[in-house]
Amino acid sequence: MNRSELAALTEVMLYSGEVLNHSEIPGKKWTNIPQGGLAIRLPSFLLRSLRRGGLTVPMISGRGLGHTGGTLDKLEAIPGFNVNLSLEEFRRVLRECGMGLIGQTAEIAPADKKDLRTA
């Protein structure tokens, strides 16, 4: 894809669902889009450090990224770890814990689940 096509695709993906706004949560926010693969340890270290600094950390992650799978693929292997939060649950977790992780849902980036080769 050229730059114009990539920008158009990104915009369509972004606005295919609800664009999250965390303004109701007080304080500063910092986000990271984890890439999965071998780098999963770095985001978890950063998350703890950022929370200690008082930042709220909302994260959106993916599946099947890289040769070792995405962040959600790894985390859902932990017994009791729920990676399938509704948008309401995600917001509750952010308010209560100051950080949360969610993947693509019917509400957030539904176009991300589409096979664009056949769309």
PDB file of N, CA and C in Angstrom:
ATOM      1  N   MET A   1       0.840  -1.183   0.000  1.00  0.00           N
ATOM      2  CA  MET A   1       0.000   0.000   0.000  1.00  0.00           C
ATOM      3  C   MET A   1       0.883   1.244   0.000  1.00  0.00           C
ATOM      4  N   ASN A   2       0.402   2.260  -0.658  1.00  0.00           N
ATOM      5  CA  ASN A   2       1.128   3.531  -0.578  1.00  0.00           C
ATOM      6  C   ASN A   2       0.653   4.277   0.670  1.00  0.00           C
ATOM      7  N   ARG A   3       1.268   5.419   0.959  1.00  0.00           N
ATOM      8  CA  ARG A   3       0.955   6.160   2.194  1.00  0.00           C
ATOM      9  C   ARG A   3      -0.508   6.584   2.262  1.00  0.00           C
ATOM     10  N   SER A   4      -1.062   7.015   1.151  1.00  0.00           N
ATOM     11  CA  SER A   4      -2.449   7.463   1.114  1.00  0.00           C
ATOM     12  C   SER A   4      -3.409   6.302   1.394  1.00  0.00           C
ATOM     13  N   GLU A   5      -3.134   5.152   0.802  1.00  0.00           N
ATOM     14  CA  GLU A   5      -3.983   3.972   1.033  1.00  0.00           C
ATOM     15  C   GLU A   5      -3.873   3.503   2.479  1.00  0.00           C
ATOM     16  N   LEU A   6      -2.672   3.518   3.035  1.00  0.00           N
ATOM     17  CA  LEU A   6      -2.466   3.118   4.425  1.00  0.00           C
ATOM     18  C   LEU A   6      -3.191   4.062   5.376  1.00  0.00           C
ATOM     19  N   ALA A   7      -3.131   5.362   5.101  1.00  0.00           N
ATOM     20  CA  ALA A   7      -3.840   6.346   5.929  1.00  0.00           C
ATOM     21  C   ALA A   7      -5.346   6.124   5.852  1.00  0.00           C
ATOM     22  N   ALA A   8      -5.866   5.845   4.671  1.00  0.00           N
ATOM     23  CA  ALA A   8      -7.310   5.607   4.508  1.00  0.00           C
ATOM     24  C   ALA A   8      -7.733   4.347   5.254  1.00  0.00           C
ATOM     25  N   LEU A   9      -6.945   3.284   5.154  1.00  0.00           N
ATOM     26  CA  LEU A   9      -7.256   2.048   5.867  1.00  0.00           C
ATOM     27  C   LEU A   9      -7.241   2.270   7.376  1.00  0.00           C
ATOM     28  N   THR A  10      -6.241   2.982   7.856  1.00  0.00           N
ATOM     29  CA  THR A  10      -6.141   3.270   9.293  1.00  0.00           C
ATOM     30  C   THR A  10      -7.358   4.043   9.772  1.00  0.00           C
ATOM     31  N   GLU A  11      -7.796   5.033   9.020  1.00  0.00           N
ATOM     32  CA  GLU A  11      -8.961   5.826   9.407  1.00  0.00           C
ATOM     33  C   GLU A  11     -10.231   4.985   9.421  1.00  0.00           C
ATOM     34  N   VAL A  12     -10.398   4.131   8.428  1.00  0.00           N
ATOM     35  CA  VAL A  12     -11.573   3.254   8.384  1.00  0.00           C
ATOM     36  C   VAL A  12     -11.578   2.316   9.585  1.00  0.00           C
ATOM     37  N   MET A  13     -10.418   1.746   9.914  1.00  0.00           N
ATOM     38  CA  MET A  13     -10.327   0.850  11.069  1.00  0.00           C
ATOM     39  C   MET A  13     -10.660   1.599  12.360  1.00  0.00           C
ATOM     40  N   LEU A  14     -10.091   2.786  12.518  1.00  0.00           N
ATOM     41  CA  LEU A  14     -10.299   3.581  13.726  1.00  0.00           C
ATOM     42  C   LEU A  14     -11.777   3.886  13.951  1.00  0.00           C
ATOM     43  N   TYR A  15     -12.444   4.339  12.899  1.00  0.00           N
ATOM     44  CA  TYR A  15     -13.832   4.776  13.042  1.00  0.00           C
ATOM     45  C   TYR A  15     -14.850   3.684  12.740  1.00  0.00           C
ATOM     46  N   SER A  16     -14.417   2.420  12.669  1.00  0.00           N
ATOM     47  CA  SER A  16     -15.361   1.328  12.447  1.00  0.00           C
ATOM     48  C   SER A  16     -16.136   0.997  13.722  1.00  0.00           C
ATOM     49  N   GLY A  17     -15.685   1.507  14.842  1.00  0.00           N
ATOM     50  CA  GLY A  17     -16.345   1.274  16.118  1.00  0.00           C
ATOM     51  C   GLY A  17     -16.206   2.500  16.993  1.00  0.00           C
ATOM     52  N   GLU A  18     -16.413   2.319  18.275  1.00  0.00           N
ATOM     53  CA  GLU A  18     -16.306   3.434  19.214  1.00  0.00           C
ATOM     54  C   GLU A  18     -14.841   3.826  19.393  1.00  0.00           C
ATOM     55  N   VAL A  19     -14.590   5.118  19.350  1.00  0.00           N
ATOM     56  CA  VAL A  19     -13.263   5.640  19.640  1.00  0.00           C
ATOM     57  C   VAL A  19     -13.237   5.933  21.135  1.00  0.00           C
ATOM     58  N   LEU A  20     -12.339   5.289  21.840  1.00  0.00           N
ATOM     59  CA  LEU A  20     -12.335   5.393  23.300  1.00  0.00           C
ATOM     60  C   LEU A  20     -11.872   6.766  23.768  1.00  0.00           C
ATOM     61  N   ASN A  21     -12.581   7.268  24.748  1.00  0.00           N
ATOM     62  CA  ASN A  21     -12.269   8.548  25.377  1.00  0.00           C
ATOM     63  C   ASN A  21     -12.235   8.293  26.877  1.00  0.00           C
ATOM     64  N   HIS A  22     -11.109   8.518  27.479  1.00  0.00           N
ATOM     65  CA  HIS A  22     -10.957   8.245  28.913  1.00  0.00           C
ATOM     66  C   HIS A  22     -10.933   9.526  29.744  1.00  0.00           C
ATOM     67  N   SER A  23     -11.562  10.584  29.243  1.00  0.00           N
ATOM     68  CA  SER A  23     -11.532  11.866  29.948  1.00  0.00           C
ATOM     69  C   SER A  23     -12.255  11.807  31.293  1.00  0.00           C
ATOM     70  N   GLU A  24     -13.166  10.835  31.478  1.00  0.00           N
ATOM     71  CA  GLU A  24     -13.871  10.736  32.766  1.00  0.00           C
ATOM     72  C   GLU A  24     -12.980  10.168  33.863  1.00  0.00           C
ATOM     73  N   ILE A  25     -11.850   9.619  33.486  1.00  0.00           N
ATOM     74  CA  ILE A  25     -10.901   9.093  34.469  1.00  0.00           C
ATOM     75  C   ILE A  25      -9.892  10.194  34.767  1.00  0.00           C
ATOM     76  N   PRO A  26      -9.809  10.633  36.021  1.00  0.00           N
ATOM     77  CA  PRO A  26      -8.907  11.753  36.332  1.00  0.00           C
ATOM     78  C   PRO A  26      -7.440  11.394  36.129  1.00  0.00           C
ATOM     79  N   GLY A  27      -6.646  12.416  35.929  1.00  0.00           N
ATOM     80  CA  GLY A  27      -5.201  12.235  35.820  1.00  0.00           C
ATOM     81  C   GLY A  27      -4.731  12.040  34.393  1.00  0.00           C
ATOM     82  N   LYS A  28      -3.430  11.893  34.291  1.00  0.00           N
ATOM     83  CA  LYS A  28      -2.805  11.716  32.981  1.00  0.00           C
ATOM     84  C   LYS A  28      -2.874  10.256  32.558  1.00  0.00           C
ATOM     85  N   LYS A  29      -2.921  10.056  31.242  1.00  0.00           N
ATOM     86  CA  LYS A  29      -2.960   8.714  30.688  1.00  0.00           C
ATOM     87  C   LYS A  29      -1.757   8.494  29.776  1.00  0.00           C
ATOM     88  N   TRP A  30      -1.354   7.251  29.705  1.00  0.00           N
ATOM     89  CA  TRP A  30      -0.310   6.844  28.773  1.00  0.00           C
ATOM     90  C   TRP A  30      -0.741   5.508  28.222  1.00  0.00           C
ATOM     91  N   THR A  31      -0.602   5.331  26.943  1.00  0.00           N
ATOM     92  CA  THR A  31      -0.986   4.048  26.380  1.00  0.00           C
ATOM     93  C   THR A  31       0.149   3.451  25.578  1.00  0.00           C
ATOM     94  N   ASN A  32       0.063   2.163  25.441  1.00  0.00           N
ATOM     95  CA  ASN A  32       1.036   1.394  24.681  1.00  0.00           C
ATOM     96  C   ASN A  32       0.236   0.361  23.908  1.00  0.00           C
ATOM     97  N   ILE A  33       0.589   0.153  22.675  1.00  0.00           N
ATOM     98  CA  ILE A  33      -0.050  -0.912  21.911  1.00  0.00           C
ATOM     99  C   ILE A  33       0.954  -2.047  21.853  1.00  0.00           C
ATOM    100  N   PRO A  34       0.749  -3.073  22.698  1.00  0.00           N
ATOM    101  CA  PRO A  34       1.725  -4.160  22.752  1.00  0.00           C
ATOM    102  C   PRO A  34       1.773  -4.912  21.430  1.00  0.00           C
ATOM    103  N   GLN A  35       2.955  -5.297  21.029  1.00  0.00           N
ATOM    104  CA  GLN A  35       3.138  -5.984  19.760  1.00  0.00           C
ATOM    105  C   GLN A  35       3.206  -7.494  19.912  1.00  0.00           C
ATOM    106  N   GLY A  36       3.080  -7.989  21.132  1.00  0.00           N
ATOM    107  CA  GLY A  36       3.161  -9.436  21.324  1.00  0.00           C
ATOM    108  C   GLY A  36       4.579  -9.917  21.095  1.00  0.00           C
ATOM    109  N   GLY A  37       4.694 -11.125  20.619  1.00  0.00           N
ATOM    110  CA  GLY A  37       6.011 -11.663  20.312  1.00  0.00           C
ATOM    111  C   GLY A  37       6.913 -11.691  21.528  1.00  0.00           C
ATOM    112  N   LEU A  38       8.172 -11.437  21.302  1.00  0.00           N
ATOM    113  CA  LEU A  38       9.164 -11.535  22.372  1.00  0.00           C
ATOM    114  C   LEU A  38       9.201 -10.309  23.269  1.00  0.00           C
ATOM    115  N   ALA A  39       8.531  -9.239  22.876  1.00  0.00           N
ATOM    116  CA  ALA A  39       8.624  -7.976  23.623  1.00  0.00           C
ATOM    117  C   ALA A  39       7.586  -7.839  24.723  1.00  0.00           C
ATOM    118  N   ILE A  40       6.855  -8.885  25.064  1.00  0.00           N
ATOM    119  CA  ILE A  40       5.775  -8.780  26.050  1.00  0.00           C
ATOM    120  C   ILE A  40       6.296  -8.371  27.427  1.00  0.00           C
ATOM    121  N   ARG A  41       7.513  -8.716  27.787  1.00  0.00           N
ATOM    122  CA  ARG A  41       8.035  -8.368  29.110  1.00  0.00           C
ATOM    123  C   ARG A  41       8.258  -6.870  29.270  1.00  0.00           C
ATOM    124  N   LEU A  42       8.672  -6.198  28.212  1.00  0.00           N
ATOM    125  CA  LEU A  42       8.920  -4.767  28.293  1.00  0.00           C
ATOM    126  C   LEU A  42       7.646  -3.994  28.636  1.00  0.00           C
ATOM    127  N   PRO A  43       6.524  -4.216  27.947  1.00  0.00           N
ATOM    128  CA  PRO A  43       5.315  -3.487  28.331  1.00  0.00           C
ATOM    129  C   PRO A  43       4.888  -3.743  29.776  1.00  0.00           C
ATOM    130  N   SER A  44       5.013  -4.982  30.276  1.00  0.00           N
ATOM    131  CA  SER A  44       4.601  -5.244  31.656  1.00  0.00           C
ATOM    132  C   SER A  44       5.494  -4.498  32.641  1.00  0.00           C
ATOM    133  N   PHE A  45       6.795  -4.393  32.362  1.00  0.00           N
ATOM    134  CA  PHE A  45       7.692  -3.615  33.210  1.00  0.00           C
ATOM    135  C   PHE A  45       7.314  -2.137  33.151  1.00  0.00           C
ATOM    136  N   LEU A  46       7.091  -1.629  31.945  1.00  0.00           N
ATOM    137  CA  LEU A  46       6.708  -0.225  31.791  1.00  0.00           C
ATOM    138  C   LEU A  46       5.399   0.075  32.498  1.00  0.00           C
ATOM    139  N   LEU A  47       4.441  -0.827  32.402  1.00  0.00           N
ATOM    140  CA  LEU A  47       3.150  -0.616  33.054  1.00  0.00           C
ATOM    141  C   LEU A  47       3.311  -0.397  34.550  1.00  0.00           C
ATOM    142  N   ARG A  48       4.062  -1.257  35.182  1.00  0.00           N
ATOM    143  CA  ARG A  48       4.253  -1.125  36.637  1.00  0.00           C
ATOM    144  C   ARG A  48       4.930   0.195  36.982  1.00  0.00           C
ATOM    145  N   SER A  49       5.913   0.575  36.201  1.00  0.00           N
ATOM    146  CA  SER A  49       6.624   1.832  36.456  1.00  0.00           C
ATOM    147  C   SER A  49       5.714   3.037  36.252  1.00  0.00           C
ATOM    148  N   LEU A  50       4.932   3.002  35.193  1.00  0.00           N
ATOM    149  CA  LEU A  50       4.026   4.120  34.912  1.00  0.00           C
ATOM    150  C   LEU A  50       2.955   4.247  35.981  1.00  0.00           C
ATOM    151  N   ARG A  51       2.423   3.125  36.450  1.00  0.00           N
ATOM    152  CA  ARG A  51       1.413   3.164  37.515  1.00  0.00           C
ATOM    153  C   ARG A  51       2.018   3.744  38.787  1.00  0.00           C
ATOM    154  N   ARG A  52       3.250   3.378  39.094  1.00  0.00           N
ATOM    155  CA  ARG A  52       3.901   3.943  40.278  1.00  0.00           C
ATOM    156  C   ARG A  52       4.040   5.452  40.145  1.00  0.00           C
ATOM    157  N   GLY A  53       4.156   5.921  38.913  1.00  0.00           N
ATOM    158  CA  GLY A  53       4.248   7.359  38.652  1.00  0.00           C
ATOM    159  C   GLY A  53       2.892   8.052  38.619  1.00  0.00           C
ATOM    160  N   GLY A  54       1.806   7.309  38.861  1.00  0.00           N
ATOM    161  CA  GLY A  54       0.482   7.906  38.940  1.00  0.00           C
ATOM    162  C   GLY A  54      -0.278   7.986  37.625  1.00  0.00           C
ATOM    163  N   LEU A  55       0.237   7.395  36.570  1.00  0.00           N
ATOM    164  CA  LEU A  55      -0.459   7.439  35.289  1.00  0.00           C
ATOM    165  C   LEU A  55      -1.484   6.320  35.181  1.00  0.00           C
ATOM    166  N   THR A  56      -2.575   6.590  34.473  1.00  0.00           N
ATOM    167  CA  THR A  56      -3.540   5.559  34.109  1.00  0.00           C
ATOM    168  C   THR A  56      -3.103   5.012  32.760  1.00  0.00           C
ATOM    169  N   VAL A  57      -3.161   3.684  32.620  1.00  0.00           N
ATOM    170  CA  VAL A  57      -2.617   3.050  31.420  1.00  0.00           C
ATOM    171  C   VAL A  57      -3.676   2.164  30.751  1.00  0.00           C
ATOM    172  N   PRO A  58      -4.444   2.722  29.812  1.00  0.00           N
ATOM    173  CA  PRO A  58      -5.357   1.882  29.019  1.00  0.00           C
ATOM    174  C   PRO A  58      -4.602   1.295  27.827  1.00  0.00           C
ATOM    175  N   MET A  59      -4.757  -0.008  27.598  1.00  0.00           N
ATOM    176  CA  MET A  59      -4.050  -0.644  26.479  1.00  0.00           C
ATOM    177  C   MET A  59      -5.020  -1.466  25.639  1.00  0.00           C
ATOM    178  N   ILE A  60      -4.779  -1.455  24.340  1.00  0.00           N
ATOM    179  CA  ILE A  60      -5.515  -2.311  23.415  1.00  0.00           C
ATOM    180  C   ILE A  60      -4.484  -3.232  22.782  1.00  0.00           C
ATOM    181  N   SER A  61      -4.800  -4.515  22.764  1.00  0.00           N
ATOM    182  CA  SER A  61      -3.851  -5.493  22.274  1.00  0.00           C
ATOM    183  C   SER A  61      -4.478  -6.336  21.180  1.00  0.00           C
ATOM    184  N   GLY A  62      -3.669  -7.195  20.589  1.00  0.00           N
ATOM    185  CA  GLY A  62      -4.150  -8.021  19.494  1.00  0.00           C
ATOM    186  C   GLY A  62      -3.810  -9.483  19.671  1.00  0.00           C
ATOM    187  N   ARG A  63      -4.246 -10.240  18.697  1.00  0.00           N
ATOM    188  CA  ARG A  63      -4.016 -11.684  18.675  1.00  0.00           C
ATOM    189  C   ARG A  63      -3.149 -12.049  17.478  1.00  0.00           C
ATOM    190  N   GLY A  64      -2.489 -13.174  17.603  1.00  0.00           N
ATOM    191  CA  GLY A  64      -1.765 -13.756  16.488  1.00  0.00           C
ATOM    192  C   GLY A  64      -0.703 -12.865  15.888  1.00  0.00           C
ATOM    193  N   LEU A  65      -0.078 -12.032  16.702  1.00  0.00           N
ATOM    194  CA  LEU A  65       0.962 -11.135  16.214  1.00  0.00           C
ATOM    195  C   LEU A  65       2.322 -11.766  16.428  1.00  0.00           C
ATOM    196  N   GLY A  66       3.145 -11.688  15.448  1.00  0.00           N
ATOM    197  CA  GLY A  66       4.493 -12.226  15.592  1.00  0.00           C
ATOM    198  C   GLY A  66       4.506 -13.747  15.569  1.00  0.00           C
ATOM    199  N   HIS A  67       5.681 -14.308  15.627  1.00  0.00           N
ATOM    200  CA  HIS A  67       5.810 -15.761  15.532  1.00  0.00           C
ATOM    201  C   HIS A  67       5.450 -16.479  16.831  1.00  0.00           C
ATOM    202  N   THR A  68       5.332 -15.746  17.926  1.00  0.00           N
ATOM    203  CA  THR A  68       4.978 -16.392  19.194  1.00  0.00           C
ATOM    204  C   THR A  68       3.564 -16.054  19.643  1.00  0.00           C
ATOM    205  N   GLY A  69       2.785 -15.381  18.805  1.00  0.00           N
ATOM    206  CA  GLY A  69       1.427 -15.019  19.167  1.00  0.00           C
ATOM    207  C   GLY A  69       1.365 -13.616  19.732  1.00  0.00           C
ATOM    208  N   GLY A  70       0.156 -13.119  19.880  1.00  0.00           N
ATOM    209  CA  GLY A  70      -0.045 -11.784  20.419  1.00  0.00           C
ATOM    210  C   GLY A  70      -0.114 -11.787  21.936  1.00  0.00           C
ATOM    211  N   THR A  71      -0.126 -10.596  22.492  1.00  0.00           N
ATOM    212  CA  THR A  71      -0.186 -10.442  23.948  1.00  0.00           C
ATOM    213  C   THR A  71      -1.421 -11.127  24.517  1.00  0.00           C
ATOM    214  N   LEU A  72      -2.584 -10.942  23.881  1.00  0.00           N
ATOM    215  CA  LEU A  72      -3.809 -11.576  24.381  1.00  0.00           C
ATOM    216  C   LEU A  72      -3.697 -13.095  24.353  1.00  0.00           C
ATOM    217  N   ASP A  73      -3.075 -13.633  23.312  1.00  0.00           N
ATOM    218  CA  ASP A  73      -2.902 -15.087  23.227  1.00  0.00           C
ATOM    219  C   ASP A  73      -2.131 -15.613  24.432  1.00  0.00           C
ATOM    220  N   LYS A  74      -1.100 -14.896  24.828  1.00  0.00           N
ATOM    221  CA  LYS A  74      -0.279 -15.329  25.961  1.00  0.00           C
ATOM    222  C   LYS A  74      -1.026 -15.173  27.285  1.00  0.00           C
ATOM    223  N   LEU A  75      -1.666 -14.020  27.468  1.00  0.00           N
ATOM    224  CA  LEU A  75      -2.315 -13.752  28.751  1.00  0.00           C
ATOM    225  C   LEU A  75      -3.512 -14.657  29.004  1.00  0.00           C
ATOM    226  N   GLU A  76      -4.253 -15.025  27.953  1.00  0.00           N
ATOM    227  CA  GLU A  76      -5.410 -15.885  28.183  1.00  0.00           C
ATOM    228  C   GLU A  76      -5.005 -17.306  28.557  1.00  0.00           C
ATOM    229  N   ALA A  77      -3.718 -17.640  28.424  1.00  0.00           N
ATOM    230  CA  ALA A  77      -3.224 -18.945  28.865  1.00  0.00           C
ATOM    231  C   ALA A  77      -3.075 -18.998  30.389  1.00  0.00           C
ATOM    232  N   ILE A  78      -3.131 -17.850  31.053  1.00  0.00           N
ATOM    233  CA  ILE A  78      -3.028 -17.802  32.519  1.00  0.00           C
ATOM    234  C   ILE A  78      -4.401 -18.116  33.094  1.00  0.00           C
ATOM    235  N   PRO A  79      -4.522 -19.175  33.911  1.00  0.00           N
ATOM    236  CA  PRO A  79      -5.830 -19.520  34.482  1.00  0.00           C
ATOM    237  C   PRO A  79      -6.451 -18.333  35.223  1.00  0.00           C
ATOM    238  N   GLY A  80      -7.688 -18.022  34.889  1.00  0.00           N
ATOM    239  CA  GLY A  80      -8.421 -16.942  35.543  1.00  0.00           C
ATOM    240  C   GLY A  80      -8.205 -15.566  34.948  1.00  0.00           C
ATOM    241  N   PHE A  81      -7.273 -15.427  34.017  1.00  0.00           N
ATOM    242  CA  PHE A  81      -7.019 -14.119  33.401  1.00  0.00           C
ATOM    243  C   PHE A  81      -8.019 -13.930  32.277  1.00  0.00           C
ATOM    244  N   ASN A  82      -8.868 -12.918  32.398  1.00  0.00           N
ATOM    245  CA  ASN A  82      -9.925 -12.670  31.427  1.00  0.00           C
ATOM    246  C   ASN A  82      -9.492 -11.598  30.437  1.00  0.00           C
ATOM    247  N   VAL A  83      -9.334 -11.982  29.181  1.00  0.00           N
ATOM    248  CA  VAL A  83      -8.964 -11.017  28.143  1.00  0.00           C
ATOM    249  C   VAL A  83     -10.185 -10.574  27.330  1.00  0.00           C
ATOM    250  N   ASN A  84     -11.355 -11.090  27.679  1.00  0.00           N
ATOM    251  CA  ASN A  84     -12.577 -10.794  26.923  1.00  0.00           C
ATOM    252  C   ASN A  84     -13.491  -9.858  27.694  1.00  0.00           C
ATOM    253  N   LEU A  85     -13.002  -8.655  27.963  1.00  0.00           N
ATOM    254  CA  LEU A  85     -13.783  -7.673  28.708  1.00  0.00           C
ATOM    255  C   LEU A  85     -14.717  -6.906  27.783  1.00  0.00           C
ATOM    256  N   SER A  86     -15.895  -6.595  28.293  1.00  0.00           N
ATOM    257  CA  SER A  86     -16.760  -5.673  27.565  1.00  0.00           C
ATOM    258  C   SER A  86     -16.188  -4.271  27.762  1.00  0.00           C
ATOM    259  N   LEU A  87     -16.661  -3.338  26.989  1.00  0.00           N
ATOM    260  CA  LEU A  87     -16.193  -1.963  27.131  1.00  0.00           C
ATOM    261  C   LEU A  87     -16.510  -1.423  28.523  1.00  0.00           C
ATOM    262  N   GLU A  88     -17.671  -1.753  29.035  1.00  0.00           N
ATOM    263  CA  GLU A  88     -18.055  -1.334  30.399  1.00  0.00           C
ATOM    264  C   GLU A  88     -17.092  -1.917  31.437  1.00  0.00           C
ATOM    265  N   GLU A  89     -16.761  -3.214  31.308  1.00  0.00           N
ATOM    266  CA  GLU A  89     -15.826  -3.848  32.248  1.00  0.00           C
ATOM    267  C   GLU A  89     -14.435  -3.226  32.136  1.00  0.00           C
ATOM    268  N   PHE A  90     -13.995  -2.939  30.924  1.00  0.00           N
ATOM    269  CA  PHE A  90     -12.690  -2.317  30.706  1.00  0.00           C
ATOM    270  C   PHE A  90     -12.616  -0.976  31.423  1.00  0.00           C
ATOM    271  N   ARG A  91     -13.656  -0.170  31.293  1.00  0.00           N
ATOM    272  CA  ARG A  91     -13.685   1.135  31.967  1.00  0.00           C
ATOM    273  C   ARG A  91     -13.681   0.977  33.486  1.00  0.00           C
ATOM    274  N   ARG A  92     -14.401  -0.018  33.984  1.00  0.00           N
ATOM    275  CA  ARG A  92     -14.421  -0.274  35.427  1.00  0.00           C
ATOM    276  C   ARG A  92     -13.021  -0.647  35.917  1.00  0.00           C
ATOM    277  N   VAL A  93     -12.350  -1.529  35.201  1.00  0.00           N
ATOM    278  CA  VAL A  93     -10.989  -1.947  35.568  1.00  0.00           C
ATOM    279  C   VAL A  93     -10.046  -0.744  35.566  1.00  0.00           C
ATOM    280  N   LEU A  94     -10.162   0.111  34.558  1.00  0.00           N
ATOM    281  CA  LEU A  94      -9.312   1.308  34.516  1.00  0.00           C
ATOM    282  C   LEU A  94      -9.551   2.204  35.726  1.00  0.00           C
ATOM    283  N   ARG A  95     -10.818   2.392  36.082  1.00  0.00           N
ATOM    284  CA  ARG A  95     -11.131   3.241  37.243  1.00  0.00           C
ATOM    285  C   ARG A  95     -10.598   2.622  38.533  1.00  0.00           C
ATOM    286  N   GLU A  96     -10.755   1.310  38.679  1.00  0.00           N
ATOM    287  CA  GLU A  96     -10.381   0.637  39.927  1.00  0.00           C
ATOM    288  C   GLU A  96      -8.885   0.340  40.030  1.00  0.00           C
ATOM    289  N   CYS A  97      -8.260  -0.050  38.932  1.00  0.00           N
ATOM    290  CA  CYS A  97      -6.865  -0.504  38.976  1.00  0.00           C
ATOM    291  C   CYS A  97      -5.881   0.488  38.382  1.00  0.00           C
ATOM    292  N   GLY A  98      -6.372   1.377  37.525  1.00  0.00           N
ATOM    293  CA  GLY A  98      -5.483   2.339  36.893  1.00  0.00           C
ATOM    294  C   GLY A  98      -4.818   1.831  35.636  1.00  0.00           C
ATOM    295  N   MET A  99      -5.032   0.565  35.323  1.00  0.00           N
ATOM    296  CA  MET A  99      -4.536   0.042  34.058  1.00  0.00           C
ATOM    297  C   MET A  99      -5.427  -1.118  33.636  1.00  0.00           C
ATOM    298  N   GLY A 100      -5.524  -1.301  32.334  1.00  0.00           N
ATOM    299  CA  GLY A 100      -6.362  -2.371  31.815  1.00  0.00           C
ATOM    300  C   GLY A 100      -5.956  -2.714  30.401  1.00  0.00           C
ATOM    301  N   LEU A 101      -6.364  -3.893  29.979  1.00  0.00           N
ATOM    302  CA  LEU A 101      -6.013  -4.403  28.666  1.00  0.00           C
ATOM    303  C   LEU A 101      -7.265  -4.966  28.018  1.00  0.00           C
ATOM    304  N   ILE A 102      -7.480  -4.598  26.774  1.00  0.00           N
ATOM    305  CA  ILE A 102      -8.632  -5.090  26.032  1.00  0.00           C
ATOM    306  C   ILE A 102      -8.193  -5.338  24.595  1.00  0.00           C
ATOM    307  N   GLY A 103      -8.890  -6.226  23.937  1.00  0.00           N
ATOM    308  CA  GLY A 103      -8.633  -6.502  22.528  1.00  0.00           C
ATOM    309  C   GLY A 103      -9.777  -5.993  21.678  1.00  0.00           C
ATOM    310  N   GLN A 104      -9.722  -6.322  20.418  1.00  0.00           N
ATOM    311  CA  GLN A 104     -10.776  -5.951  19.480  1.00  0.00           C
ATOM    312  C   GLN A 104     -12.078  -6.590  19.936  1.00  0.00           C
ATOM    313  N   THR A 105     -13.167  -5.827  19.880  1.00  0.00           N
ATOM    314  CA  THR A 105     -14.495  -6.324  20.231  1.00  0.00           C
ATOM    315  C   THR A 105     -15.488  -5.862  19.163  1.00  0.00           C
ATOM    316  N   ALA A 106     -16.753  -6.206  19.350  1.00  0.00           N
ATOM    317  CA  ALA A 106     -17.796  -5.714  18.449  1.00  0.00           C
ATOM    318  C   ALA A 106     -17.949  -4.203  18.588  1.00  0.00           C
ATOM    319  N   GLU A 107     -17.511  -3.644  19.740  1.00  0.00           N
ATOM    320  CA  GLU A 107     -17.619  -2.203  19.979  1.00  0.00           C
ATOM    321  C   GLU A 107     -16.364  -1.447  19.564  1.00  0.00           C
ATOM    322  N   ILE A 108     -15.213  -2.076  19.738  1.00  0.00           N
ATOM    323  CA  ILE A 108     -13.924  -1.418  19.484  1.00  0.00           C
ATOM    324  C   ILE A 108     -13.276  -2.045  18.249  1.00  0.00           C
ATOM    325  N   ALA A 109     -13.056  -1.244  17.250  1.00  0.00           N
ATOM    326  CA  ALA A 109     -12.379  -1.658  16.009  1.00  0.00           C
ATOM    327  C   ALA A 109     -12.931  -2.947  15.417  1.00  0.00           C
ATOM    328  N   PRO A 110     -14.255  -3.029  15.201  1.00  0.00           N
ATOM    329  CA  PRO A 110     -14.798  -4.270  14.631  1.00  0.00           C
ATOM    330  C   PRO A 110     -14.217  -4.604  13.260  1.00  0.00           C
ATOM    331  N   ALA A 111     -13.773  -3.607  12.516  1.00  0.00           N
ATOM    332  CA  ALA A 111     -13.168  -3.881  11.202  1.00  0.00           C
ATOM    333  C   ALA A 111     -11.869  -4.651  11.334  1.00  0.00           C
ATOM    334  N   ASP A 112     -11.251  -4.626  12.512  1.00  0.00           N
ATOM    335  CA  ASP A 112      -9.995  -5.345  12.729  1.00  0.00           C
ATOM    336  C   ASP A 112     -10.195  -6.844  12.597  1.00  0.00           C
ATOM    337  N   LYS A 113     -11.414  -7.310  12.812  1.00  0.00           N
ATOM    338  CA  LYS A 113     -11.689  -8.742  12.743  1.00  0.00           C
ATOM    339  C   LYS A 113     -11.998  -9.196  11.316  1.00  0.00           C
ATOM    340  N   LYS A 114     -12.214  -8.262  10.427  1.00  0.00           N
ATOM    341  CA  LYS A 114     -12.551  -8.578   9.030  1.00  0.00           C
ATOM    342  C   LYS A 114     -11.318  -9.055   8.279  1.00  0.00           C
ATOM    343  N   ASP A 115     -11.532  -9.991   7.387  1.00  0.00           N
ATOM    344  CA  ASP A 115     -10.472 -10.396   6.472  1.00  0.00           C
ATOM    345  C   ASP A 115     -10.532  -9.435   5.295  1.00  0.00           C
ATOM    346  N   LEU A 116      -9.614  -8.499   5.259  1.00  0.00           N
ATOM    347  CA  LEU A 116      -9.649  -7.451   4.246  1.00  0.00           C
ATOM    348  C   LEU A 116      -9.361  -7.981   2.847  1.00  0.00           C
ATOM    349  N   ARG A 117      -8.825  -9.174   2.761  1.00  0.00           N
ATOM    350  CA  ARG A 117      -8.585  -9.746   1.436  1.00  0.00           C
ATOM    351  C   ARG A 117      -9.887 -10.129   0.756  1.00  0.00           C
ATOM    352  N   THR A 118     -10.939 -10.362   1.557  1.00  0.00           N
ATOM    353  CA  THR A 118     -12.219 -10.761   0.979  1.00  0.00           C
ATOM    354  C   THR A 118     -13.280  -9.694   1.153  1.00  0.00           C
ATOM    355  N   ALA A 119     -12.947  -8.585   1.808  1.00  0.00           N
ATOM    356  CA  ALA A 119     -13.943  -7.528   2.073  1.00  0.00           C
ATOM    357  C   ALA A 119     -14.246  -6.733   0.814  1.00  0.00           C
TER     358      ALA A 119
END
